[in-house]
Amino acid sequence: MKAHDFITLIVPAARASARKTGVPASFTVAEAALESWWGASRLASQGRNLFGVKADPSWHGEVLTLNTREFLHGTWVMVSARWRKYADWQACMADHAAFLHQNRR
């Protein structure tokens, strides 16, 4: 996906997030672009997960299982990980905003 197309897709959700969190939409777009390779990562394309958020026990939504590299006991290893899967970009951004809002208290 081209950078312009990616930005066009997620800006409305980033603006909604900014209204809730106070974090400028441009920051959220930049983070999403960096984390997801402009929406080209498998996690972004298959799970609409722009920020690399894993599915911990508190997550009750859909899950996508993909391999990832983790640094464990002083070495890099491949592990299977469960990631949050979203229905669309808006759901991903809303979850990200909720996380930011919760941790600002």
N, C-alpha and C. Protein backbone atom coordinates (compact mmCIF):
# COMPACT_ATOMS: atom_id res chain seq x y z
N MET A 1 0.86 -1.17 0.00
CA MET A 1 0.00 0.00 0.00
C MET A 1 0.91 1.24 0.00
N LYS A 2 0.55 2.22 -0.78
CA LYS A 2 1.31 3.46 -0.84
C LYS A 2 1.04 4.28 0.42
N ALA A 3 2.03 5.07 0.81
CA ALA A 3 1.91 5.88 2.03
C ALA A 3 0.66 6.76 2.00
N HIS A 4 0.41 7.41 0.90
CA HIS A 4 -0.76 8.29 0.80
C HIS A 4 -2.05 7.51 1.01
N ASP A 5 -2.15 6.33 0.42
CA ASP A 5 -3.36 5.50 0.57
C ASP A 5 -3.53 5.06 2.02
N PHE A 6 -2.44 4.68 2.65
CA PHE A 6 -2.48 4.25 4.06
C PHE A 6 -2.98 5.40 4.93
N ILE A 7 -2.40 6.57 4.74
CA ILE A 7 -2.79 7.73 5.55
C ILE A 7 -4.26 8.06 5.34
N THR A 8 -4.70 8.05 4.10
CA THR A 8 -6.10 8.33 3.78
C THR A 8 -7.03 7.35 4.49
N LEU A 9 -6.64 6.09 4.56
CA LEU A 9 -7.48 5.08 5.21
C LEU A 9 -7.61 5.27 6.71
N ILE A 10 -6.51 5.65 7.36
CA ILE A 10 -6.56 5.64 8.83
C ILE A 10 -6.72 7.01 9.47
N VAL A 11 -6.60 8.10 8.72
CA VAL A 11 -6.72 9.43 9.32
C VAL A 11 -8.05 9.64 10.05
N PRO A 12 -9.19 9.25 9.50
CA PRO A 12 -10.43 9.48 10.27
C PRO A 12 -10.39 8.80 11.65
N ALA A 13 -9.89 7.59 11.72
CA ALA A 13 -9.80 6.90 13.00
C ALA A 13 -8.77 7.55 13.91
N ALA A 14 -7.67 8.02 13.33
CA ALA A 14 -6.63 8.69 14.13
C ALA A 14 -7.16 10.00 14.71
N ARG A 15 -7.97 10.70 13.95
CA ARG A 15 -8.57 11.95 14.46
C ARG A 15 -9.54 11.67 15.60
N ALA A 16 -10.33 10.62 15.46
CA ALA A 16 -11.25 10.23 16.54
C ALA A 16 -10.46 9.87 17.80
N SER A 17 -9.35 9.18 17.61
CA SER A 17 -8.48 8.82 18.72
C SER A 17 -7.92 10.07 19.39
N ALA A 18 -7.52 11.05 18.59
CA ALA A 18 -6.96 12.29 19.13
C ALA A 18 -7.96 13.03 20.01
N ARG A 19 -9.21 13.01 19.60
CA ARG A 19 -10.24 13.67 20.42
C ARG A 19 -10.38 13.01 21.78
N LYS A 20 -10.17 11.71 21.83
CA LYS A 20 -10.32 10.99 23.10
C LYS A 20 -9.06 11.07 23.97
N THR A 21 -7.89 11.00 23.33
CA THR A 21 -6.64 10.88 24.09
C THR A 21 -5.83 12.15 24.20
N GLY A 22 -6.04 13.09 23.29
CA GLY A 22 -5.21 14.28 23.26
C GLY A 22 -3.90 14.07 22.51
N VAL A 23 -3.65 12.85 22.06
CA VAL A 23 -2.45 12.56 21.27
C VAL A 23 -2.73 12.98 19.83
N PRO A 24 -1.89 13.85 19.27
CA PRO A 24 -2.16 14.31 17.90
C PRO A 24 -2.31 13.15 16.91
N ALA A 25 -3.26 13.30 16.00
CA ALA A 25 -3.51 12.27 14.98
C ALA A 25 -2.24 11.96 14.20
N SER A 26 -1.43 12.98 13.94
CA SER A 26 -0.20 12.76 13.18
C SER A 26 0.74 11.80 13.91
N PHE A 27 0.78 11.85 15.24
CA PHE A 27 1.62 10.93 16.01
C PHE A 27 1.10 9.50 15.86
N THR A 28 -0.21 9.35 15.97
CA THR A 28 -0.81 8.02 15.87
C THR A 28 -0.61 7.44 14.48
N VAL A 29 -0.77 8.26 13.45
CA VAL A 29 -0.54 7.79 12.08
C VAL A 29 0.92 7.37 11.92
N ALA A 30 1.84 8.17 12.44
CA ALA A 30 3.27 7.83 12.33
C ALA A 30 3.58 6.52 13.04
N GLU A 31 3.04 6.34 14.23
CA GLU A 31 3.26 5.09 14.97
C GLU A 31 2.70 3.90 14.20
N ALA A 32 1.48 4.06 13.68
CA ALA A 32 0.84 2.98 12.91
C ALA A 32 1.66 2.64 11.67
N ALA A 33 2.16 3.67 10.98
CA ALA A 33 2.97 3.43 9.77
C ALA A 33 4.24 2.67 10.12
N LEU A 34 4.90 3.09 11.19
CA LEU A 34 6.14 2.43 11.61
C LEU A 34 5.89 0.99 12.04
N GLU A 35 4.91 0.78 12.89
CA GLU A 35 4.64 -0.54 13.44
C GLU A 35 4.13 -1.53 12.39
N SER A 36 3.40 -1.03 11.40
CA SER A 36 2.74 -1.93 10.44
C SER A 36 3.37 -1.93 9.05
N TRP A 37 4.47 -1.22 8.89
CA TRP A 37 5.09 -1.10 7.56
C TRP A 37 4.09 -0.54 6.58
N TRP A 38 3.47 0.58 6.96
CA TRP A 38 2.47 1.26 6.12
C TRP A 38 1.30 0.32 5.79
N GLY A 39 0.92 -0.51 6.75
CA GLY A 39 -0.22 -1.40 6.57
C GLY A 39 0.10 -2.67 5.81
N ALA A 40 1.38 -2.90 5.50
CA ALA A 40 1.77 -4.04 4.68
C ALA A 40 2.14 -5.29 5.48
N SER A 41 2.30 -5.18 6.79
CA SER A 41 2.66 -6.36 7.58
C SER A 41 1.52 -7.38 7.57
N ARG A 42 1.84 -8.62 7.81
CA ARG A 42 0.79 -9.65 7.89
C ARG A 42 -0.18 -9.34 9.01
N LEU A 43 0.34 -8.85 10.10
CA LEU A 43 -0.51 -8.53 11.24
C LEU A 43 -1.52 -7.44 10.87
N ALA A 44 -1.08 -6.44 10.13
CA ALA A 44 -1.99 -5.38 9.70
C ALA A 44 -2.95 -5.86 8.63
N SER A 45 -2.44 -6.56 7.64
CA SER A 45 -3.30 -6.96 6.53
C SER A 45 -4.29 -8.07 6.90
N GLN A 46 -3.88 -8.98 7.77
CA GLN A 46 -4.77 -10.08 8.15
C GLN A 46 -5.57 -9.80 9.42
N GLY A 47 -5.01 -9.00 10.32
CA GLY A 47 -5.67 -8.77 11.60
C GLY A 47 -6.08 -7.33 11.86
N ARG A 48 -5.83 -6.44 10.90
CA ARG A 48 -6.11 -5.01 11.07
C ARG A 48 -5.50 -4.48 12.37
N ASN A 49 -4.37 -5.10 12.78
CA ASN A 49 -3.66 -4.72 14.00
C ASN A 49 -2.47 -3.85 13.59
N LEU A 50 -2.59 -2.56 13.79
CA LEU A 50 -1.57 -1.61 13.35
C LEU A 50 -0.45 -1.39 14.36
N PHE A 51 -0.65 -1.80 15.61
CA PHE A 51 0.28 -1.45 16.67
C PHE A 51 0.97 -2.64 17.32
N GLY A 52 0.79 -3.82 16.79
CA GLY A 52 1.46 -5.00 17.33
C GLY A 52 1.00 -5.38 18.73
N VAL A 53 -0.30 -5.27 18.97
CA VAL A 53 -0.83 -5.57 20.31
C VAL A 53 -1.17 -7.06 20.40
N LYS A 54 -0.54 -7.71 21.37
CA LYS A 54 -0.81 -9.14 21.59
C LYS A 54 -2.13 -9.33 22.32
N ALA A 55 -2.69 -10.49 22.19
CA ALA A 55 -3.95 -10.85 22.83
C ALA A 55 -3.64 -11.48 24.18
N ASP A 56 -3.64 -10.67 25.23
CA ASP A 56 -3.41 -11.18 26.57
C ASP A 56 -4.73 -11.73 27.12
N PRO A 57 -4.73 -12.27 28.33
CA PRO A 57 -5.98 -12.86 28.87
C PRO A 57 -7.14 -11.88 28.99
N SER A 58 -6.86 -10.57 29.01
CA SER A 58 -7.95 -9.60 29.12
C SER A 58 -8.69 -9.40 27.80
N TRP A 59 -8.13 -9.88 26.71
CA TRP A 59 -8.73 -9.71 25.39
C TRP A 59 -9.79 -10.77 25.15
N HIS A 60 -11.00 -10.36 24.77
CA HIS A 60 -12.10 -11.29 24.53
C HIS A 60 -12.58 -11.26 23.08
N GLY A 61 -11.80 -10.61 22.21
CA GLY A 61 -12.16 -10.53 20.80
C GLY A 61 -11.48 -11.63 20.00
N GLU A 62 -11.53 -11.44 18.67
CA GLU A 62 -10.90 -12.42 17.78
C GLU A 62 -9.38 -12.36 17.93
N VAL A 63 -8.74 -13.48 17.56
CA VAL A 63 -7.30 -13.63 17.71
C VAL A 63 -6.71 -14.11 16.39
N LEU A 64 -5.51 -13.63 16.10
CA LEU A 64 -4.74 -14.08 14.95
C LEU A 64 -3.43 -14.64 15.49
N THR A 65 -3.09 -15.86 15.12
CA THR A 65 -1.84 -16.47 15.58
C THR A 65 -0.80 -16.39 14.47
N LEU A 66 0.31 -15.73 14.79
CA LEU A 66 1.43 -15.58 13.86
C LEU A 66 2.75 -15.75 14.61
N ASN A 67 3.75 -16.18 13.90
CA ASN A 67 5.09 -16.28 14.49
C ASN A 67 5.71 -14.90 14.63
N THR A 68 6.54 -14.76 15.64
CA THR A 68 7.27 -13.52 15.88
C THR A 68 8.62 -13.84 16.52
N ARG A 69 9.54 -12.93 16.39
CA ARG A 69 10.84 -13.09 17.04
C ARG A 69 10.79 -12.45 18.41
N GLU A 70 11.25 -13.18 19.41
CA GLU A 70 11.30 -12.69 20.78
C GLU A 70 12.72 -12.90 21.31
N PHE A 71 13.16 -11.99 22.15
CA PHE A 71 14.48 -12.11 22.77
C PHE A 71 14.29 -12.76 24.14
N LEU A 72 14.62 -14.04 24.24
CA LEU A 72 14.41 -14.81 25.47
C LEU A 72 15.73 -15.38 25.96
N HIS A 73 16.02 -15.15 27.21
CA HIS A 73 17.21 -15.71 27.85
C HIS A 73 18.47 -15.42 27.05
N GLY A 74 18.57 -14.18 26.54
CA GLY A 74 19.76 -13.76 25.84
C GLY A 74 19.90 -14.17 24.39
N THR A 75 18.84 -14.71 23.80
CA THR A 75 18.91 -15.11 22.40
C THR A 75 17.59 -14.85 21.68
N TRP A 76 17.67 -14.62 20.37
CA TRP A 76 16.46 -14.43 19.56
C TRP A 76 15.90 -15.78 19.17
N VAL A 77 14.61 -15.97 19.38
CA VAL A 77 13.93 -17.21 19.00
C VAL A 77 12.60 -16.88 18.32
N MET A 78 12.14 -17.79 17.47
CA MET A 78 10.82 -17.65 16.86
C MET A 78 9.80 -18.33 17.77
N VAL A 79 8.73 -17.63 18.05
CA VAL A 79 7.65 -18.18 18.87
C VAL A 79 6.31 -17.89 18.20
N SER A 80 5.36 -18.71 18.48
CA SER A 80 4.00 -18.49 18.02
C SER A 80 3.32 -17.57 19.03
N ALA A 81 2.70 -16.52 18.54
CA ALA A 81 2.07 -15.56 19.44
C ALA A 81 0.63 -15.30 19.00
N ARG A 82 -0.19 -14.97 19.98
CA ARG A 82 -1.59 -14.63 19.73
C ARG A 82 -1.71 -13.11 19.74
N TRP A 83 -2.28 -12.56 18.66
CA TRP A 83 -2.41 -11.13 18.48
C TRP A 83 -3.88 -10.74 18.44
N ARG A 84 -4.18 -9.55 18.90
CA ARG A 84 -5.54 -9.03 18.79
C ARG A 84 -5.88 -8.85 17.32
N LYS A 85 -7.07 -9.28 16.94
CA LYS A 85 -7.55 -9.13 15.58
C LYS A 85 -8.76 -8.20 15.61
N TYR A 86 -8.77 -7.24 14.72
CA TYR A 86 -9.83 -6.23 14.69
C TYR A 86 -10.66 -6.36 13.42
N ALA A 87 -11.89 -5.92 13.50
CA ALA A 87 -12.78 -5.97 12.34
C ALA A 87 -12.39 -4.94 11.29
N ASP A 88 -11.83 -3.80 11.75
CA ASP A 88 -11.46 -2.73 10.83
C ASP A 88 -10.46 -1.80 11.52
N TRP A 89 -10.00 -0.80 10.75
CA TRP A 89 -9.01 0.15 11.29
C TRP A 89 -9.58 0.93 12.46
N GLN A 90 -10.87 1.29 12.38
CA GLN A 90 -11.50 2.06 13.44
C GLN A 90 -11.47 1.30 14.76
N ALA A 91 -11.76 0.01 14.73
CA ALA A 91 -11.73 -0.80 15.96
C ALA A 91 -10.33 -0.86 16.53
N CYS A 92 -9.34 -0.97 15.67
CA CYS A 92 -7.95 -0.99 16.12
C CYS A 92 -7.59 0.34 16.79
N MET A 93 -7.94 1.44 16.14
CA MET A 93 -7.63 2.76 16.69
C MET A 93 -8.38 3.01 17.99
N ALA A 94 -9.62 2.56 18.08
CA ALA A 94 -10.41 2.75 19.30
C ALA A 94 -9.77 1.98 20.45
N ASP A 95 -9.29 0.78 20.19
CA ASP A 95 -8.62 -0.01 21.23
C ASP A 95 -7.32 0.67 21.65
N HIS A 96 -6.58 1.19 20.69
CA HIS A 96 -5.33 1.90 20.98
C HIS A 96 -5.62 3.14 21.82
N ALA A 97 -6.67 3.88 21.45
CA ALA A 97 -7.05 5.07 22.21
C ALA A 97 -7.46 4.71 23.64
N ALA A 98 -8.20 3.61 23.79
CA ALA A 98 -8.61 3.17 25.13
C ALA A 98 -7.39 2.83 25.98
N PHE A 99 -6.41 2.19 25.36
CA PHE A 99 -5.18 1.85 26.08
C PHE A 99 -4.45 3.12 26.51
N LEU A 100 -4.31 4.08 25.59
CA LEU A 100 -3.63 5.34 25.92
C LEU A 100 -4.38 6.10 27.00
N HIS A 101 -5.71 6.17 26.86
CA HIS A 101 -6.54 6.88 27.83
C HIS A 101 -6.44 6.25 29.21
N GLN A 102 -6.46 4.92 29.26
CA GLN A 102 -6.39 4.19 30.53
C GLN A 102 -5.04 4.43 31.22
N ASN A 103 -3.97 4.51 30.47
CA ASN A 103 -2.64 4.65 31.04
C ASN A 103 -2.23 6.10 31.30
N ARG A 104 -3.10 7.04 31.01
CA ARG A 104 -2.81 8.46 31.29
C ARG A 104 -3.36 8.86 32.66
N ARG A 105 -4.13 8.02 33.26
CA ARG A 105 -4.74 8.36 34.56
C ARG A 105 -3.74 8.33 35.66
